[in-house]
């Protein structure tokens, strides 16, 4: 069961807890690069050989590739925070390569994600880099079109199956409204890199083989990534407050979950299940998150999700300010 922190934690306590884990470790980082990017390259190298034996082997290839793509995205995510390596330039270059493998514009995504960290749990600053969330009152006062659009977007089939591949393959190819010059350059550079990568891989393994495997990997990796991101901030007792009462530390410790995963899934997800630690200090690289979580008593009462709670969270959709809980559409009508 997930639990709710009952007493606020001071900023000084938080800084003392996270400070020893904020320094990147080049040996751990290099090993993660080798076992992640190296495995992804080897997997693609095996594709022609495997499919020459049987196309049924595409299934394990797609599943493994999707898991590795999530892990690649976590490396990019850390690089965006400048936490994976000590060198700012090295973070930028490695992050760009990992982002392009995930068909993601690094600067534009990184800017939105920084906004997410700065505003997570703040009801008055929703809308940038987060999951679209309406309050019960927002929903009741919305137009019929907006209510239908919101219910469609919150449908689990749409949210976790259809939307991820559409976002990564299609939406991220285009410029968002009012993009800055740097965002535009990031998106165009990503598109050029993606076209070059697609053309090269089609030449190496063949157009049909590449499209089937790549789209399958993107579908699996995208769905898993959206599911993880959803569970990190969408659970019953999640923290939301109006801006004048909002606290960064409380948003990190009460508004970000600890998602308990089997060790193999923890590995593929790059330890991002320790999301409360990450939101408390984005400077901590993913390979230090678990050690930080286990190092201090302030992390003992953070919201914790197991498998059962994670499934239940998929049907929560609206923030009820009167109850201080995320509720389902059915409960909001009651």
Foldseek 3Di string as FASTA:
>chain_A
DWFFDDDDDDLVVLCVLCVVQLAADVVVLVVLCCVQVVVLVVLLVCLLVVVVVPPVVLVVSLQVLLLSLLSLQLLLLLLLVVQHHVDVVVSVVSNLVSCLLQLALSPVLSVLVVLCLVCQQAPVSDDGNADDAAALVRLVPDDPVVVVVQVQCLDLCCQQQVPQLCCRPPVLLDDDPPDDPVSVVSSVVSVVSNVVVLVVSCVVNNNVSCVVNSSSSSRSNRSVVSLLRCQQAQAWQAHHDHPVPDDQLSNLQARGEQEDDPPVSCSSNLVCSLVSSCSSPVSRRSVCSVVSLPPDPSNVNGTYDYPVRSVVRSQFGHQHPVVNTGHHPVVSVD
